[in-house]
Amino acid sequence: MKTFSVDHTQLSPNQRRMLDQQRLVRSMLNPVLADQVAQTIAALEVRKEQGAQPEKQWVTVSDTRGTISIAEWMGF
């Protein structure tokens, strides 16, 4: 079995192939991610210039505290 040396580490052909695939995927994803981030920032800047308020992230669904006791339920 042949091995390749990368940074003084012996790699099998399968490990070398996986390393090459990871490098290929990283080179393709980085520009795509950078473009998406740039588009999002540009959209946020446009909204800020138009005076749009930020979206609420937390919304109160219910304002109850605990369960009602039997005495309160019976009217005592």
N, C-alpha and C. Protein backbone atom coordinates (compact mmCIF):
# COMPACT_ATOMS: atom_id res chain seq x y z
N MET A 1 0.85 -1.16 0.00
CA MET A 1 0.00 0.00 0.00
C MET A 1 0.90 1.24 0.00
N LYS A 2 0.61 2.18 -0.91
CA LYS A 2 1.39 3.40 -0.98
C LYS A 2 0.85 4.41 0.03
N THR A 3 1.73 5.21 0.58
CA THR A 3 1.32 6.26 1.50
C THR A 3 1.90 7.58 1.01
N PHE A 4 1.24 8.66 1.37
CA PHE A 4 1.66 10.00 1.01
C PHE A 4 2.00 10.75 2.28
N SER A 5 2.93 11.67 2.17
CA SER A 5 3.33 12.43 3.33
C SER A 5 2.82 13.86 3.22
N VAL A 6 2.04 14.29 4.21
CA VAL A 6 1.55 15.66 4.30
C VAL A 6 1.86 16.13 5.70
N ASP A 7 2.69 17.13 5.82
CA ASP A 7 3.10 17.64 7.12
C ASP A 7 3.66 16.54 8.01
N HIS A 8 4.48 15.69 7.43
CA HIS A 8 5.14 14.59 8.14
C HIS A 8 4.15 13.58 8.71
N THR A 9 2.98 13.49 8.11
CA THR A 9 1.98 12.50 8.52
C THR A 9 1.76 11.55 7.35
N GLN A 10 1.77 10.28 7.63
CA GLN A 10 1.54 9.30 6.58
C GLN A 10 0.04 9.12 6.36
N LEU A 11 -0.39 9.26 5.10
CA LEU A 11 -1.80 9.12 4.76
C LEU A 11 -1.97 7.97 3.78
N SER A 12 -3.03 7.25 3.96
CA SER A 12 -3.36 6.19 3.01
C SER A 12 -4.02 6.84 1.79
N PRO A 13 -4.15 6.13 0.70
CA PRO A 13 -4.82 6.72 -0.48
C PRO A 13 -6.25 7.18 -0.18
N ASN A 14 -6.95 6.42 0.64
CA ASN A 14 -8.32 6.80 0.99
C ASN A 14 -8.34 8.10 1.81
N GLN A 15 -7.41 8.22 2.77
CA GLN A 15 -7.34 9.44 3.57
C GLN A 15 -6.95 10.63 2.70
N ARG A 16 -6.05 10.41 1.76
CA ARG A 16 -5.63 11.48 0.85
C ARG A 16 -6.81 11.94 -0.02
N ARG A 17 -7.60 10.98 -0.52
CA ARG A 17 -8.77 11.29 -1.33
C ARG A 17 -9.78 12.09 -0.52
N MET A 18 -10.00 11.70 0.73
CA MET A 18 -10.93 12.43 1.60
C MET A 18 -10.43 13.85 1.86
N LEU A 19 -9.13 14.01 2.07
CA LEU A 19 -8.55 15.33 2.30
C LEU A 19 -8.73 16.21 1.07
N ASP A 20 -8.52 15.65 -0.12
CA ASP A 20 -8.73 16.42 -1.35
C ASP A 20 -10.19 16.82 -1.52
N GLN A 21 -11.12 15.92 -1.18
CA GLN A 21 -12.54 16.24 -1.27
C GLN A 21 -12.93 17.35 -0.29
N GLN A 22 -12.38 17.31 0.92
CA GLN A 22 -12.67 18.34 1.91
C GLN A 22 -12.16 19.70 1.43
N ARG A 23 -10.98 19.72 0.85
CA ARG A 23 -10.43 20.98 0.34
C ARG A 23 -11.30 21.53 -0.80
N LEU A 24 -11.78 20.64 -1.67
CA LEU A 24 -12.63 21.05 -2.78
C LEU A 24 -13.94 21.65 -2.27
N VAL A 25 -14.55 20.99 -1.30
CA VAL A 25 -15.82 21.47 -0.76
C VAL A 25 -15.62 22.81 -0.06
N ARG A 26 -14.56 22.95 0.71
CA ARG A 26 -14.28 24.22 1.39
C ARG A 26 -14.09 25.35 0.39
N SER A 27 -13.38 25.07 -0.71
CA SER A 27 -13.15 26.12 -1.71
C SER A 27 -14.44 26.53 -2.40
N MET A 28 -15.41 25.63 -2.50
CA MET A 28 -16.69 25.98 -3.12
C MET A 28 -17.62 26.68 -2.14
N LEU A 29 -17.61 26.29 -0.88
CA LEU A 29 -18.55 26.84 0.09
C LEU A 29 -18.17 28.24 0.55
N ASN A 30 -16.92 28.53 0.72
CA ASN A 30 -16.51 29.82 1.25
C ASN A 30 -17.02 31.00 0.42
N PRO A 31 -16.89 31.00 -0.92
CA PRO A 31 -17.42 32.12 -1.69
C PRO A 31 -18.95 32.22 -1.60
N VAL A 32 -19.63 31.10 -1.56
CA VAL A 32 -21.09 31.10 -1.46
C VAL A 32 -21.52 31.70 -0.13
N LEU A 33 -20.89 31.28 0.93
CA LEU A 33 -21.23 31.81 2.25
C LEU A 33 -20.92 33.30 2.33
N ALA A 34 -19.79 33.71 1.79
CA ALA A 34 -19.43 35.12 1.81
C ALA A 34 -20.45 35.95 1.03
N ASP A 35 -20.93 35.44 -0.11
CA ASP A 35 -21.94 36.15 -0.89
C ASP A 35 -23.25 36.27 -0.12
N GLN A 36 -23.67 35.20 0.56
CA GLN A 36 -24.91 35.24 1.34
C GLN A 36 -24.81 36.24 2.48
N VAL A 37 -23.68 36.28 3.15
CA VAL A 37 -23.50 37.24 4.25
C VAL A 37 -23.53 38.66 3.71
N ALA A 38 -22.88 38.92 2.58
CA ALA A 38 -22.88 40.25 1.99
C ALA A 38 -24.28 40.67 1.58
N GLN A 39 -25.06 39.76 1.01
CA GLN A 39 -26.44 40.07 0.62
C GLN A 39 -27.30 40.38 1.84
N THR A 40 -27.13 39.62 2.90
CA THR A 40 -27.91 39.85 4.12
C THR A 40 -27.58 41.20 4.73
N ILE A 41 -26.31 41.52 4.80
CA ILE A 41 -25.90 42.81 5.37
C ILE A 41 -26.43 43.95 4.51
N ALA A 42 -26.39 43.81 3.20
CA ALA A 42 -26.91 44.85 2.31
C ALA A 42 -28.42 45.03 2.52
N ALA A 43 -29.15 43.93 2.67
CA ALA A 43 -30.60 44.02 2.90
C ALA A 43 -30.89 44.70 4.24
N LEU A 44 -30.10 44.40 5.26
CA LEU A 44 -30.30 45.04 6.56
C LEU A 44 -30.00 46.54 6.50
N GLU A 45 -28.98 46.92 5.75
CA GLU A 45 -28.67 48.33 5.60
C GLU A 45 -29.80 49.08 4.90
N VAL A 46 -30.40 48.46 3.88
CA VAL A 46 -31.52 49.08 3.18
C VAL A 46 -32.69 49.27 4.13
N ARG A 47 -32.99 48.25 4.93
CA ARG A 47 -34.09 48.36 5.90
C ARG A 47 -33.81 49.45 6.93
N LYS A 48 -32.55 49.57 7.35
CA LYS A 48 -32.19 50.58 8.34
C LYS A 48 -32.38 51.98 7.76
N GLU A 49 -31.99 52.16 6.49
CA GLU A 49 -32.16 53.46 5.83
C GLU A 49 -33.63 53.82 5.68
N GLN A 50 -34.49 52.82 5.48
CA GLN A 50 -35.91 53.07 5.32
C GLN A 50 -36.61 53.29 6.66
N GLY A 51 -35.90 53.08 7.75
CA GLY A 51 -36.46 53.30 9.07
C GLY A 51 -37.27 52.14 9.60
N ALA A 52 -37.08 50.97 9.05
CA ALA A 52 -37.81 49.79 9.51
C ALA A 52 -37.30 49.37 10.89
N GLN A 53 -38.22 48.99 11.75
CA GLN A 53 -37.85 48.52 13.08
C GLN A 53 -37.39 47.07 13.00
N PRO A 54 -36.48 46.67 13.87
CA PRO A 54 -36.04 45.27 13.88
C PRO A 54 -37.20 44.36 14.28
N GLU A 55 -37.16 43.14 13.76
CA GLU A 55 -38.20 42.18 14.07
C GLU A 55 -38.08 41.73 15.51
N LYS A 56 -39.23 41.53 16.15
CA LYS A 56 -39.23 41.03 17.52
C LYS A 56 -38.84 39.57 17.51
N GLN A 57 -37.93 39.23 18.40
CA GLN A 57 -37.52 37.84 18.48
C GLN A 57 -38.24 37.11 19.61
N TRP A 58 -38.68 37.86 20.62
CA TRP A 58 -39.35 37.25 21.75
C TRP A 58 -40.75 37.85 21.85
N VAL A 59 -41.75 36.99 21.88
CA VAL A 59 -43.13 37.43 21.97
C VAL A 59 -43.78 36.73 23.15
N THR A 60 -44.50 37.50 23.98
CA THR A 60 -45.21 36.91 25.11
C THR A 60 -46.44 36.18 24.60
N VAL A 61 -46.54 34.89 24.88
CA VAL A 61 -47.68 34.10 24.44
C VAL A 61 -48.77 34.11 25.50
N SER A 62 -48.37 33.99 26.74
CA SER A 62 -49.33 33.94 27.83
C SER A 62 -48.72 34.64 29.04
N ASP A 63 -49.59 35.33 29.80
CA ASP A 63 -49.09 36.07 30.96
C ASP A 63 -49.63 35.47 32.26
N THR A 64 -49.95 34.21 32.25
CA THR A 64 -50.46 33.56 33.45
C THR A 64 -49.31 33.10 34.32
N ARG A 65 -49.58 32.99 35.62
CA ARG A 65 -48.55 32.55 36.55
C ARG A 65 -49.06 31.34 37.32
N GLY A 66 -48.57 30.19 36.97
CA GLY A 66 -48.93 28.99 37.69
C GLY A 66 -50.36 28.54 37.41
N THR A 67 -50.81 27.58 38.19
CA THR A 67 -52.17 27.07 38.05
C THR A 67 -53.05 27.63 39.15
N ILE A 68 -54.31 27.69 38.89
CA ILE A 68 -55.27 28.20 39.87
C ILE A 68 -55.48 27.14 40.96
N SER A 69 -55.61 27.59 42.19
CA SER A 69 -55.82 26.64 43.28
C SER A 69 -57.30 26.24 43.34
N ILE A 70 -57.57 25.14 44.00
CA ILE A 70 -58.96 24.68 44.14
C ILE A 70 -59.78 25.69 44.93
N ALA A 71 -59.17 26.32 45.94
CA ALA A 71 -59.89 27.32 46.75
C ALA A 71 -60.29 28.51 45.89
N GLU A 72 -59.40 28.98 45.04
CA GLU A 72 -59.76 30.09 44.16
C GLU A 72 -60.82 29.66 43.16
N TRP A 73 -60.73 28.44 42.70
CA TRP A 73 -61.69 27.93 41.72
C TRP A 73 -63.08 27.83 42.34
N MET A 74 -63.15 27.43 43.63
CA MET A 74 -64.42 27.29 44.31
C MET A 74 -64.94 28.63 44.85
N GLY A 75 -64.12 29.70 44.77
CA GLY A 75 -64.57 31.01 45.20
C GLY A 75 -64.28 31.34 46.65
N PHE A 76 -63.36 30.65 47.29
CA PHE A 76 -63.04 30.94 48.69
C PHE A 76 -61.89 31.87 48.80
